[in-house]
N, C-alpha and C. Protein backbone atom coordinates (compact mmCIF):
# COMPACT_ATOMS: atom_id res chain seq x y z
N UNK A 1 1.08 -1.14 -0.08
CA UNK A 1 0.11 0.20 -0.07
C UNK A 1 0.99 1.36 0.13
N UNK A 2 0.74 2.14 -1.11
CA UNK A 2 1.24 3.36 -1.52
C UNK A 2 0.38 4.51 -1.05
N UNK A 3 0.59 5.53 0.03
CA UNK A 3 0.08 6.58 0.34
C UNK A 3 -0.23 7.34 -1.34
N UNK A 4 -1.14 7.67 -1.94
CA UNK A 4 -1.15 7.90 -2.90
C UNK A 4 -2.30 9.17 -3.24
N UNK A 5 -2.07 10.48 -3.51
CA UNK A 5 -3.05 11.78 -3.44
C UNK A 5 -3.76 12.12 -4.81
N UNK A 6 -5.03 12.19 -4.29
CA UNK A 6 -6.13 12.32 -5.41
C UNK A 6 -5.63 13.85 -6.26
N UNK A 7 -4.72 14.19 -6.74
CA UNK A 7 -4.73 15.59 -7.29
C UNK A 7 -4.44 15.49 -8.44
N UNK A 8 -4.28 16.74 -9.62
CA UNK A 8 -3.63 16.90 -10.42
C UNK A 8 -2.12 17.91 -10.49
N UNK A 9 -1.53 17.32 -11.28
CA UNK A 9 -0.08 18.01 -11.28
C UNK A 9 0.02 18.24 -12.96
N UNK A 10 0.84 19.11 -12.72
CA UNK A 10 1.26 19.70 -14.34
C UNK A 10 2.75 19.49 -14.81
N UNK A 11 2.88 18.74 -15.74
CA UNK A 11 4.52 18.39 -16.22
C UNK A 11 5.31 19.73 -16.58
N UNK A 12 4.31 20.62 -17.04
CA UNK A 12 4.82 21.84 -17.64
C UNK A 12 5.85 22.73 -16.94
N UNK A 13 7.02 23.19 -17.37
CA UNK A 13 7.74 24.05 -16.68
C UNK A 13 7.05 25.01 -16.07
N UNK A 14 7.31 25.83 -14.73
CA UNK A 14 6.12 26.81 -14.75
C UNK A 14 6.45 28.27 -15.13
N UNK A 15 5.96 28.98 -15.67
CA UNK A 15 5.83 29.79 -16.20
C UNK A 15 6.26 31.16 -14.82
N UNK A 16 7.53 31.79 -15.48
CA UNK A 16 8.26 32.30 -14.38
C UNK A 16 9.14 31.78 -13.31
N UNK A 17 9.77 30.53 -13.94
CA UNK A 17 10.54 30.15 -12.93
C UNK A 17 11.95 30.17 -12.99
N UNK A 18 12.66 30.50 -12.60
CA UNK A 18 14.20 30.63 -12.45
C UNK A 18 15.17 29.49 -12.61
N UNK A 19 15.98 29.89 -13.83
CA UNK A 19 17.17 28.70 -14.07
C UNK A 19 18.35 29.43 -13.33
N UNK A 20 19.03 28.79 -12.68
CA UNK A 20 20.50 28.86 -12.04
C UNK A 20 20.87 27.79 -11.35
N UNK A 21 22.12 28.41 -11.36
CA UNK A 21 22.92 27.20 -10.38
C UNK A 21 23.44 28.02 -9.15
N UNK A 22 23.26 27.72 -7.74
CA UNK A 22 24.14 27.96 -6.72
C UNK A 22 25.85 28.08 -6.99
N UNK A 23 26.22 29.18 -6.59
CA UNK A 23 27.64 29.20 -6.43
C UNK A 23 28.10 28.48 -5.41
N UNK A 24 29.21 27.38 -5.41
CA UNK A 24 29.46 27.00 -4.51
C UNK A 24 29.70 27.32 -3.06
N UNK A 25 29.91 28.94 -2.89
CA UNK A 25 30.20 29.53 -1.85
C UNK A 25 28.75 30.19 -1.19
N UNK A 26 27.78 29.67 -1.79
CA UNK A 26 26.55 29.54 -1.78
C UNK A 26 26.04 28.79 -0.85
N UNK A 27 26.97 27.49 -1.24
CA UNK A 27 26.24 26.50 -0.33
C UNK A 27 27.12 26.30 1.02
N UNK A 28 26.31 26.30 2.06
CA UNK A 28 26.80 26.08 3.41
C UNK A 28 27.21 24.48 3.47
N UNK A 29 28.16 24.28 4.33
CA UNK A 29 28.82 22.93 4.55
C UNK A 29 27.92 21.79 5.21
N UNK A 30 26.95 22.84 6.28
CA UNK A 30 26.26 22.02 7.16
C UNK A 30 24.65 22.40 6.52
N UNK A 31 24.29 23.52 5.95
CA UNK A 31 22.79 24.11 5.83
C UNK A 31 22.56 23.50 4.54
N UNK A 32 23.33 23.73 3.48
CA UNK A 32 22.98 23.54 2.20
C UNK A 32 22.79 25.05 1.27
N UNK A 33 21.57 25.09 1.11
CA UNK A 33 20.72 26.22 0.50
C UNK A 33 19.64 26.61 0.52
N UNK A 34 19.20 27.86 0.60
CA UNK A 34 17.92 27.85 0.29
C UNK A 34 16.78 28.11 1.74
N UNK A 35 17.86 28.19 2.58
CA UNK A 35 17.35 28.77 4.12
C UNK A 35 16.22 27.72 4.74
N UNK A 36 16.55 26.34 4.38
CA UNK A 36 15.80 25.31 5.08
C UNK A 36 16.77 24.78 6.32
N UNK A 37 15.70 23.92 6.66
CA UNK A 37 16.13 23.33 8.18
C UNK A 37 16.81 21.76 8.33
N UNK A 38 17.51 21.53 8.92
CA UNK A 38 17.91 20.27 9.00
C UNK A 38 18.41 19.49 7.54
N UNK A 39 19.12 20.29 6.56
CA UNK A 39 19.17 20.07 5.32
C UNK A 39 20.67 19.91 5.45
N UNK A 40 21.37 19.29 4.50
CA UNK A 40 22.62 19.72 4.04
C UNK A 40 22.84 19.39 2.36
N UNK A 41 24.13 19.70 1.96
CA UNK A 41 24.37 19.57 0.60
C UNK A 41 24.37 18.48 -0.13
N UNK A 42 23.88 18.47 -1.33
CA UNK A 42 24.09 16.88 -1.79
C UNK A 42 24.82 17.38 -3.30
N UNK A 43 25.85 17.46 -3.42
CA UNK A 43 26.62 17.88 -4.77
C UNK A 43 27.47 16.81 -5.07
N UNK A 44 27.98 17.06 -6.19
CA UNK A 44 28.91 16.02 -6.80
C UNK A 44 29.10 14.80 -6.46
N UNK A 45 27.80 14.26 -6.65
CA UNK A 45 27.28 12.90 -6.52
C UNK A 45 27.63 11.98 -7.74
N UNK A 46 28.40 10.89 -7.70
CA UNK A 46 28.64 10.35 -8.75
C UNK A 46 27.76 9.37 -9.24
N UNK A 47 27.58 8.70 -10.74
CA UNK A 47 26.84 8.16 -11.08
C UNK A 47 26.31 6.50 -10.47
N UNK A 48 27.40 6.11 -9.75
CA UNK A 48 27.53 4.67 -8.95
C UNK A 48 26.64 4.64 -7.94
N UNK A 49 27.18 6.03 -7.08
CA UNK A 49 26.56 6.63 -5.72
C UNK A 49 25.06 6.56 -6.31
N UNK A 50 24.80 7.29 -7.10
CA UNK A 50 23.08 7.65 -7.15
C UNK A 50 22.85 6.30 -7.83
N UNK A 51 22.89 5.25 -8.41
CA UNK A 51 22.47 4.05 -8.70
C UNK A 51 21.98 3.45 -7.45
N UNK A 52 23.51 3.01 -6.98
CA UNK A 52 22.97 2.53 -5.57
C UNK A 52 22.03 3.26 -4.36
N UNK A 53 22.31 4.07 -4.31
CA UNK A 53 21.05 5.01 -3.38
C UNK A 53 19.62 4.44 -4.38
N UNK A 54 19.16 4.91 -5.62
CA UNK A 54 18.04 4.58 -5.79
C UNK A 54 18.00 3.01 -6.12
N UNK A 55 18.75 2.41 -6.14
CA UNK A 55 18.45 0.70 -6.19
C UNK A 55 17.94 0.69 -4.72
N UNK A 56 18.71 0.70 -3.60
CA UNK A 56 18.24 0.61 -2.32
C UNK A 56 16.90 1.23 -1.99
N UNK A 57 16.41 2.61 -2.36
CA UNK A 57 15.25 3.37 -1.98
C UNK A 57 14.12 2.26 -2.60
N UNK A 58 14.61 2.04 -3.65
CA UNK A 58 13.29 0.98 -4.59
C UNK A 58 12.62 0.14 -3.77
N UNK A 59 14.22 -0.83 -2.99
CA UNK A 59 13.84 -1.92 -2.47
C UNK A 59 13.07 -1.40 -1.08
N UNK A 60 13.45 -0.82 -0.47
CA UNK A 60 13.24 -0.24 0.79
C UNK A 60 11.33 0.02 0.69
N UNK A 61 11.33 0.65 -0.52
CA UNK A 61 9.97 1.28 -0.54
C UNK A 61 8.99 0.18 -0.75
N UNK A 62 9.55 -0.50 -1.80
CA UNK A 62 8.67 -2.07 -1.84
C UNK A 62 8.71 -3.00 -0.60
N UNK A 63 9.42 -2.97 0.38
CA UNK A 63 9.29 -3.58 1.68
C UNK A 63 8.35 -3.29 2.29
N UNK A 64 8.24 -1.70 2.66
CA UNK A 64 7.32 -0.82 3.24
C UNK A 64 6.11 -0.84 2.77
N UNK A 65 5.87 -0.84 1.28
CA UNK A 65 4.21 -0.86 0.80
C UNK A 65 3.86 -1.98 0.96
N UNK A 66 4.57 -3.14 0.67
CA UNK A 66 3.84 -4.15 1.28
C UNK A 66 3.33 -4.89 2.51
N UNK A 67 4.14 -3.96 3.76
CA UNK A 67 3.59 -4.28 4.83
C UNK A 67 2.53 -3.18 5.29
N UNK A 68 2.66 -2.00 4.87
CA UNK A 68 1.38 -0.93 5.37
C UNK A 68 0.04 -1.25 5.14
N UNK A 69 -0.54 -0.85 6.06
CA UNK A 69 -2.02 -1.19 6.24
C UNK A 69 -2.84 0.26 5.56
N UNK A 70 -2.22 1.18 5.67
CA UNK A 70 -2.65 2.51 5.59
C UNK A 70 -1.89 3.76 5.44
N UNK A 71 -1.92 4.88 5.18
CA UNK A 71 -1.21 5.95 4.87
C UNK A 71 -0.24 6.11 6.10
N UNK A 72 -1.27 6.27 7.54
CA UNK A 72 -0.57 6.54 8.69
C UNK A 72 0.82 5.24 9.10
N UNK A 73 0.34 4.26 8.86
CA UNK A 73 1.01 2.82 8.84
C UNK A 73 2.46 3.21 8.04
N UNK A 74 2.28 3.27 6.53
CA UNK A 74 3.45 3.26 5.94
C UNK A 74 4.46 4.60 6.39
N UNK A 75 3.96 5.61 6.65
CA UNK A 75 5.11 6.59 7.55
C UNK A 75 5.66 6.02 8.63
N UNK A 76 4.91 5.46 9.85
CA UNK A 76 5.55 4.53 10.70
C UNK A 76 6.71 3.74 9.94
N UNK A 77 6.11 2.75 9.28
CA UNK A 77 7.36 1.87 8.67
C UNK A 77 8.45 2.40 7.93
N UNK A 78 8.08 3.35 7.44
CA UNK A 78 9.18 4.28 6.35
C UNK A 78 10.20 4.72 7.02
N UNK A 79 9.66 5.77 8.33
CA UNK A 79 10.76 5.88 9.57
C UNK A 79 11.55 5.31 9.61
N UNK A 80 10.66 3.67 10.27
CA UNK A 80 12.01 2.94 10.85
C UNK A 80 12.97 2.72 9.98
N UNK A 81 12.69 2.20 8.67
CA UNK A 81 13.74 1.90 7.65
C UNK A 81 14.66 2.86 7.65
N UNK A 82 14.28 3.89 7.26
CA UNK A 82 15.10 4.89 7.09
C UNK A 82 15.90 5.29 8.25
N UNK A 83 15.78 5.30 9.39
CA UNK A 83 16.42 6.02 10.53
C UNK A 83 16.98 4.58 11.01
N UNK A 84 16.46 3.15 11.11
CA UNK A 84 17.09 2.10 11.14
C UNK A 84 16.69 1.71 12.74
N UNK A 85 15.46 2.22 13.14
CA UNK A 85 14.98 2.08 14.70
C UNK A 85 13.52 2.55 14.76
N UNK A 86 12.83 1.95 15.72
CA UNK A 86 11.75 2.07 15.76
C UNK A 86 11.42 2.11 17.53
N UNK A 87 10.50 3.11 18.03
CA UNK A 87 10.02 2.85 19.33
C UNK A 87 8.97 2.26 19.71
N UNK A 88 8.69 2.23 20.72
CA UNK A 88 7.86 1.09 21.28
C UNK A 88 6.37 2.17 21.33
N UNK A 89 6.46 3.24 20.95
CA UNK A 89 5.15 3.86 20.72
C UNK A 89 4.81 4.05 19.12
N UNK A 90 5.73 3.39 18.36
CA UNK A 90 5.69 3.34 17.04
C UNK A 90 4.34 2.54 16.47
N UNK A 91 3.76 1.81 16.96
CA UNK A 91 2.64 1.03 16.89
C UNK A 91 3.04 0.11 15.75
N UNK A 92 4.39 -0.66 15.37
CA UNK A 92 4.54 -1.76 14.51
C UNK A 92 4.00 -2.92 14.78
N UNK A 93 3.10 -3.66 13.83
CA UNK A 93 2.49 -4.85 14.03
C UNK A 93 3.50 -6.02 14.33
N UNK A 94 3.12 -6.76 14.63
CA UNK A 94 3.73 -8.20 15.51
C UNK A 94 4.16 -8.81 14.42
N UNK A 95 2.84 -8.79 13.39
CA UNK A 95 3.64 -9.59 11.90
C UNK A 95 4.53 -8.92 10.93
N UNK A 96 4.62 -7.57 11.23
CA UNK A 96 5.64 -6.57 10.49
C UNK A 96 6.67 -6.87 11.08
N UNK A 97 6.82 -6.47 12.75
CA UNK A 97 8.32 -6.40 13.22
C UNK A 97 9.47 -7.34 12.79
N UNK A 98 9.29 -8.97 12.58
CA UNK A 98 10.20 -9.69 12.35
C UNK A 98 11.08 -9.25 10.74
N UNK A 99 9.95 -8.67 9.92
CA UNK A 99 10.41 -8.68 8.48
C UNK A 99 10.98 -7.05 8.99
N UNK A 100 10.75 -6.63 9.55
CA UNK A 100 11.81 -5.29 9.72
C UNK A 100 12.84 -5.23 10.39
N UNK A 101 13.03 -6.40 11.30
CA UNK A 101 13.95 -6.10 12.34
C UNK A 101 15.47 -6.31 11.60
N UNK A 102 15.69 -6.85 10.76
CA UNK A 102 16.98 -6.51 9.57
C UNK A 102 17.45 -5.27 9.31
N UNK A 103 16.39 -4.81 9.21
CA UNK A 103 16.56 -3.38 8.62
C UNK A 103 16.65 -2.36 10.16
N UNK A 104 16.94 -2.81 11.42
CA UNK A 104 16.43 -2.44 12.29
C UNK A 104 18.10 -2.32 12.80
N UNK A 105 18.90 -1.59 12.28
CA UNK A 105 20.57 -1.41 12.65
C UNK A 105 20.90 -0.27 13.29
N UNK A 106 20.04 0.40 13.59
CA UNK A 106 20.15 2.00 14.08
C UNK A 106 21.04 2.49 13.42
N UNK A 107 21.27 2.84 12.30
CA UNK A 107 21.90 3.69 11.12
C UNK A 107 20.84 3.70 10.21
N UNK A 108 20.85 5.25 9.93
CA UNK A 108 20.39 5.58 8.32
C UNK A 108 20.54 4.73 7.34
N UNK A 109 19.75 4.65 6.77
CA UNK A 109 19.47 3.45 5.39
C UNK A 109 19.63 4.50 4.26
N UNK A 110 19.26 5.50 3.83
CA UNK A 110 19.28 6.35 2.42
C UNK A 110 20.32 7.75 2.64
N UNK A 111 21.11 7.55 3.16
CA UNK A 111 21.91 8.77 3.54
C UNK A 111 21.35 9.79 4.28
N UNK A 112 20.47 9.38 5.19
CA UNK A 112 19.71 10.23 5.78
C UNK A 112 18.48 10.66 5.28
N UNK A 113 18.05 10.60 4.21
CA UNK A 113 17.05 11.16 3.72
C UNK A 113 15.87 10.12 3.53
N UNK A 114 15.01 10.64 3.24
CA UNK A 114 13.37 9.93 3.57
C UNK A 114 13.24 8.47 1.92
N UNK A 115 12.74 7.89 2.47
CA UNK A 115 12.09 6.57 1.54
C UNK A 115 11.52 7.15 0.56
N UNK A 116 11.58 6.83 -0.93
CA UNK A 116 10.97 7.28 -1.96
C UNK A 116 11.24 8.40 -2.78
N UNK A 117 12.49 9.21 -1.66
CA UNK A 117 12.85 10.61 -2.35
C UNK A 117 14.26 10.70 -2.56
N UNK A 118 15.12 9.70 -1.70
CA UNK A 118 16.57 9.73 -1.94
C UNK A 118 17.24 9.04 -3.29
N UNK A 119 16.41 8.35 -3.81
CA UNK A 119 16.85 8.15 -5.10
C UNK A 119 16.80 9.02 -5.98
N UNK A 120 15.85 10.01 -5.83
CA UNK A 120 15.34 11.21 -7.14
C UNK A 120 16.31 12.22 -6.64
N UNK A 121 16.61 12.46 -5.28
CA UNK A 121 17.57 13.30 -5.02
C UNK A 121 18.81 12.72 -5.27
N UNK A 122 19.39 11.84 -5.47
CA UNK A 122 20.86 11.75 -5.63
C UNK A 122 21.00 11.42 -7.05
N UNK A 123 19.81 11.02 -7.96
CA UNK A 123 19.76 11.33 -9.63
C UNK A 123 19.54 12.50 -9.97
N UNK A 124 19.07 13.65 -9.24
CA UNK A 124 19.21 15.06 -9.85
C UNK A 124 20.23 15.33 -9.22
N UNK A 125 21.05 15.22 -8.46
CA UNK A 125 22.76 15.44 -8.26
C UNK A 125 23.47 14.95 -8.96
N UNK A 126 23.28 13.79 -9.40
CA UNK A 126 24.21 13.42 -10.32
C UNK A 126 24.07 13.61 -11.68
N UNK A 127 22.94 14.07 -12.21
CA UNK A 127 22.74 14.48 -13.32
C UNK A 127 22.96 16.28 -13.39
N UNK A 128 23.44 16.89 -12.44
CA UNK A 128 24.15 18.15 -12.57
C UNK A 128 23.09 19.36 -11.88
N UNK A 129 22.46 18.96 -11.55
CA UNK A 129 21.07 19.89 -11.14
C UNK A 129 20.96 19.65 -8.86
N UNK A 130 20.75 20.58 -8.43
CA UNK A 130 21.27 20.88 -7.25
C UNK A 130 20.31 20.64 -6.32
N UNK A 131 19.64 19.85 -5.56
CA UNK A 131 18.73 19.47 -4.61
C UNK A 131 18.77 20.29 -3.22
N UNK A 132 18.12 20.94 -2.94
CA UNK A 132 17.96 21.66 -1.92
C UNK A 132 17.19 20.95 -0.42
N UNK A 133 15.98 20.63 -0.71
CA UNK A 133 15.33 20.17 0.28
C UNK A 133 14.37 18.92 -0.15
N UNK A 134 14.06 17.95 0.40
CA UNK A 134 13.03 16.55 -0.09
C UNK A 134 11.85 16.17 1.08
N UNK A 135 11.03 15.65 0.68
CA UNK A 135 10.08 15.15 2.03
C UNK A 135 9.13 14.17 1.13
N UNK A 136 8.96 13.03 1.86
CA UNK A 136 8.16 12.21 1.50
C UNK A 136 6.73 12.21 1.14
N UNK A 137 6.31 13.23 1.93
CA UNK A 137 4.79 13.37 2.35
C UNK A 137 4.32 12.58 3.83
N UNK A 138 3.90 13.41 4.64
CA UNK A 138 3.38 13.00 5.56
C UNK A 138 1.96 13.62 6.22
N UNK A 139 1.51 12.31 6.88
CA UNK A 139 -0.30 12.61 7.09
C UNK A 139 -0.45 13.17 8.08
N UNK A 140 0.69 13.54 8.96
CA UNK A 140 0.26 14.47 10.01
C UNK A 140 -0.34 15.85 9.72
N UNK A 141 -1.58 16.13 10.39
CA UNK A 141 -1.53 17.62 10.28
C UNK A 141 -0.46 18.63 10.60
N UNK A 142 -0.01 19.60 9.81
CA UNK A 142 1.03 20.50 10.03
C UNK A 142 2.68 20.18 9.18
N UNK A 143 2.19 18.67 8.81
CA UNK A 143 3.59 18.53 8.47
C UNK A 143 4.23 19.33 7.08
N UNK A 144 5.16 19.21 6.86
CA UNK A 144 5.69 20.51 5.64
C UNK A 144 5.15 20.29 4.20
N UNK A 145 5.21 18.88 3.93
CA UNK A 145 4.57 18.30 2.98
C UNK A 145 3.50 17.33 2.82
N UNK A 146 2.20 17.06 2.64
CA UNK A 146 1.34 15.99 2.66
C UNK A 146 1.95 15.12 1.34
N UNK A 147 2.31 15.56 0.32
CA UNK A 147 2.76 14.73 -0.96
C UNK A 147 4.09 14.72 -1.02
N UNK A 148 4.72 13.70 -2.11
CA UNK A 148 6.65 13.71 -2.35
C UNK A 148 6.59 15.18 -2.84
N UNK A 149 7.76 15.88 -2.40
CA UNK A 149 8.32 16.68 -3.11
C UNK A 149 9.55 17.00 -2.99
N UNK A 150 10.09 17.63 -4.11
CA UNK A 150 11.81 17.60 -3.90
C UNK A 150 12.08 19.35 -4.76
N UNK A 151 12.71 20.15 -3.69
CA UNK A 151 13.02 21.37 -4.15
C UNK A 151 14.51 21.58 -4.61
N UNK A 152 14.62 22.31 -5.77
CA UNK A 152 15.98 22.10 -6.73
C UNK A 152 16.22 23.47 -7.35
N UNK A 153 17.31 23.50 -7.63
CA UNK A 153 17.98 24.55 -8.98
C UNK A 153 18.62 23.38 -9.91
N UNK A 154 18.15 24.62 -10.74
CA UNK A 154 18.74 23.65 -12.57
C UNK A 154 19.06 25.09 -13.24
N UNK A 155 19.80 24.89 -14.22
CA UNK A 155 20.22 25.85 -15.30
C UNK A 155 18.75 25.30 -16.37
N UNK A 156 18.22 26.18 -17.42
CA UNK A 156 17.39 25.96 -18.39
C UNK A 156 17.39 24.59 -19.29
N UNK A 157 18.99 24.35 -19.41
CA UNK A 157 18.77 22.88 -20.72
C UNK A 157 18.86 22.00 -19.61
N UNK A 158 19.15 21.84 -18.32
CA UNK A 158 18.88 20.71 -17.38
C UNK A 158 17.20 20.34 -17.04
N UNK A 159 16.64 21.39 -17.01
CA UNK A 159 15.11 21.66 -16.55
C UNK A 159 14.34 21.35 -18.02
N UNK A 160 15.17 21.78 -18.89
CA UNK A 160 13.78 20.91 -20.30
C UNK A 160 14.21 20.06 -20.50
N UNK A 161 15.58 19.54 -19.88
CA UNK A 161 15.66 17.80 -20.17
C UNK A 161 15.29 17.20 -19.09
N UNK A 162 15.05 17.64 -18.43
CA UNK A 162 13.99 16.86 -17.25
C UNK A 162 12.58 16.94 -17.15
N UNK A 163 11.90 17.82 -18.18
CA UNK A 163 10.78 18.07 -18.44
C UNK A 163 9.65 16.75 -19.01
N UNK A 164 10.35 16.19 -20.15
CA UNK A 164 9.56 14.91 -20.21
C UNK A 164 9.50 13.68 -19.38
N UNK A 165 10.99 13.79 -18.55
CA UNK A 165 10.86 12.99 -17.70
C UNK A 165 10.06 12.72 -16.57
N UNK A 166 9.57 14.15 -16.29
CA UNK A 166 8.86 14.24 -15.22
C UNK A 166 7.12 14.08 -15.76
N UNK A 167 7.08 14.44 -16.73
CA UNK A 167 5.73 14.13 -17.41
C UNK A 167 5.64 12.64 -17.64
N UNK A 168 6.16 11.88 -18.28
CA UNK A 168 6.00 10.35 -17.98
C UNK A 168 6.18 9.59 -17.05
N UNK A 169 6.87 10.09 -15.96
CA UNK A 169 6.82 9.62 -14.81
C UNK A 169 5.07 9.82 -13.80
N UNK A 170 4.90 10.67 -14.40
CA UNK A 170 3.77 11.05 -13.86
C UNK A 170 3.79 12.04 -12.75
N UNK A 171 4.66 12.83 -12.47
CA UNK A 171 5.22 13.75 -11.40
C UNK A 171 4.64 15.00 -12.26
N UNK A 172 4.97 15.99 -11.60
CA UNK A 172 4.44 17.44 -12.05
C UNK A 172 5.90 18.90 -11.32
N UNK A 173 5.83 19.91 -11.95
CA UNK A 173 6.40 20.62 -11.37
C UNK A 173 5.12 21.91 -10.89
N UNK A 174 6.23 22.62 -9.93
CA UNK A 174 5.75 23.62 -9.32
C UNK A 174 6.59 24.43 -8.76
N UNK A 175 6.04 25.67 -8.27
CA UNK A 175 6.89 26.70 -7.55
C UNK A 175 6.39 26.88 -6.23
N UNK A 176 7.27 27.27 -5.22
CA UNK A 176 6.82 27.53 -3.73
C UNK A 176 6.99 28.75 -3.69
N UNK A 177 5.93 29.64 -3.49
CA UNK A 177 5.78 31.19 -3.25
C UNK A 177 6.98 31.36 -2.39
N UNK A 178 7.19 30.77 -1.53
CA UNK A 178 8.25 31.16 -0.16
C UNK A 178 9.63 31.02 -1.02
N UNK A 179 10.30 30.24 -1.73
CA UNK A 179 11.10 30.19 -2.11
C UNK A 179 11.00 30.31 -3.87
N UNK A 180 10.59 30.90 -4.36
CA UNK A 180 10.35 31.42 -5.94
C UNK A 180 11.39 30.68 -7.02
N UNK A 181 12.82 31.43 -6.14
CA UNK A 181 13.97 30.82 -7.15
C UNK A 181 14.32 29.26 -7.35
N UNK A 182 13.62 28.52 -6.52
CA UNK A 182 13.57 26.92 -6.67
C UNK A 182 12.55 26.62 -7.89
N UNK A 183 12.76 25.33 -8.46
CA UNK A 183 12.05 24.47 -9.07
C UNK A 183 11.46 23.33 -8.05
N UNK A 184 10.12 23.05 -8.03
CA UNK A 184 9.49 22.16 -7.38
C UNK A 184 9.07 20.74 -8.13
N UNK A 185 9.22 19.56 -7.70
CA UNK A 185 8.93 18.45 -8.49
C UNK A 185 7.99 18.11 -7.28
N UNK A 186 6.53 17.37 -7.63
CA UNK A 186 5.88 16.92 -6.63
C UNK A 186 5.40 15.65 -7.51
N UNK A 187 5.13 14.40 -6.75
CA UNK A 187 4.55 13.09 -6.91
C UNK A 187 3.36 13.28 -6.06
N UNK A 188 2.27 12.41 -7.01
CA UNK A 188 1.15 11.78 -6.16
C UNK A 188 1.60 10.80 -4.88
N UNK A 189 2.65 10.01 -5.19
CA UNK A 189 2.95 9.09 -4.32
C UNK A 189 4.61 8.50 -4.64
N UNK A 190 5.02 8.04 -3.66
CA UNK A 190 6.76 7.71 -3.73
C UNK A 190 7.00 6.71 -5.26
N UNK A 191 5.54 6.29 -5.34
CA UNK A 191 6.25 5.49 -6.68
C UNK A 191 6.16 6.66 -7.91
N UNK A 192 5.63 7.37 -8.01
CA UNK A 192 6.14 8.62 -9.18
C UNK A 192 7.26 9.10 -8.84
N UNK A 193 8.16 9.13 -7.57
CA UNK A 193 9.34 9.91 -7.88
C UNK A 193 10.48 8.61 -7.59
N UNK A 194 9.94 7.52 -7.25
CA UNK A 194 10.90 6.87 -7.67
C UNK A 194 11.46 6.38 -9.11
N UNK A 195 10.29 6.45 -9.68
CA UNK A 195 9.99 6.35 -11.14
C UNK A 195 10.85 7.28 -12.09
N UNK A 196 10.25 8.56 -11.33
CA UNK A 196 11.31 9.55 -12.17
C UNK A 196 13.09 9.78 -11.52
N UNK A 197 12.99 9.13 -10.46
CA UNK A 197 14.55 9.04 -10.12
C UNK A 197 15.41 7.94 -11.11
N UNK A 198 14.62 6.72 -11.37
CA UNK A 198 15.22 6.02 -12.61
C UNK A 198 15.39 6.33 -13.62
N UNK A 199 14.10 7.45 -14.44
CA UNK A 199 14.27 7.58 -15.74
C UNK A 199 15.40 8.56 -15.65
N UNK A 200 15.56 9.70 -14.84
CA UNK A 200 16.51 10.50 -15.02
C UNK A 200 18.09 9.83 -14.99
N UNK A 201 18.39 8.52 -14.38
CA UNK A 201 19.18 7.56 -14.21
C UNK A 201 19.70 6.95 -15.61
N UNK A 202 18.25 6.52 -16.38
CA UNK A 202 18.22 6.16 -17.47
C UNK A 202 19.01 6.99 -18.40
N UNK A 203 18.88 8.38 -18.33
CA UNK A 203 19.00 9.17 -19.38
C UNK A 203 20.28 10.30 -18.76
N UNK A 204 21.26 9.46 -17.93
CA UNK A 204 22.34 10.19 -17.35
C UNK A 204 23.33 10.58 -18.41
N UNK A 205 23.94 9.72 -19.50
CA UNK A 205 24.74 10.37 -20.11
C UNK A 205 24.08 11.57 -20.74
N UNK A 206 23.02 11.34 -21.36
CA UNK A 206 22.57 12.93 -21.96
C UNK A 206 22.56 14.16 -20.84
N UNK A 207 22.35 13.90 -19.70
CA UNK A 207 22.37 15.36 -18.69
C UNK A 207 23.76 15.35 -18.77
N UNK A 208 24.67 14.78 -18.49
CA UNK A 208 25.97 14.67 -18.27
C UNK A 208 26.94 15.65 -19.58
N UNK A 209 26.25 15.37 -20.64
CA UNK A 209 26.78 16.02 -21.91
C UNK A 209 26.15 17.39 -21.93
N UNK A 210 25.51 17.73 -21.15
CA UNK A 210 25.01 19.16 -20.86
C UNK A 210 26.06 20.11 -20.30
N UNK A 211 26.76 19.45 -19.63
CA UNK A 211 27.71 20.40 -19.08
C UNK A 211 27.48 20.60 -17.14
């Protein structure tokens, strides 16, 4: 079971989008760029590392999606495999816990990122774009996002190369009014963002040719 939002997404590049690349001096070693909290720079990712993260991301999402009963359960189970730990208050069922136990290692599984987003974030970076923040979406009121989202910077050639992949994967573009200088990709579910991450990696040679 994958939480899936019943929303319309626009795969067109937004009117008024800004196309740019952050100066290395603008990327803080500990806080990345874009004035987000609890983020860090993900730049200069190798293709091999991006492929490895995307593969692991897909496997963990498949595990969680196969166990989850609803959106709240998916959120709890995904957090457990992401962080490598589960608390007594997480309400993981007796049926799920033995299956999850090999993944409860006490270590973050996806370079500190969330399931369904890590592969896409690493793919974007390997392809020459600049992820700023991401979220797989959470059902709790007041969460940063209820649906999968990644915010990033890209020059026009990279953004235009990305557009047909966004469309074919079922994702959409948008702009955040708080940070209009960043492009936004949304998915209805993490299945969409997983699909897009793999599509970017399948086209990695073309992205790398853009310089």
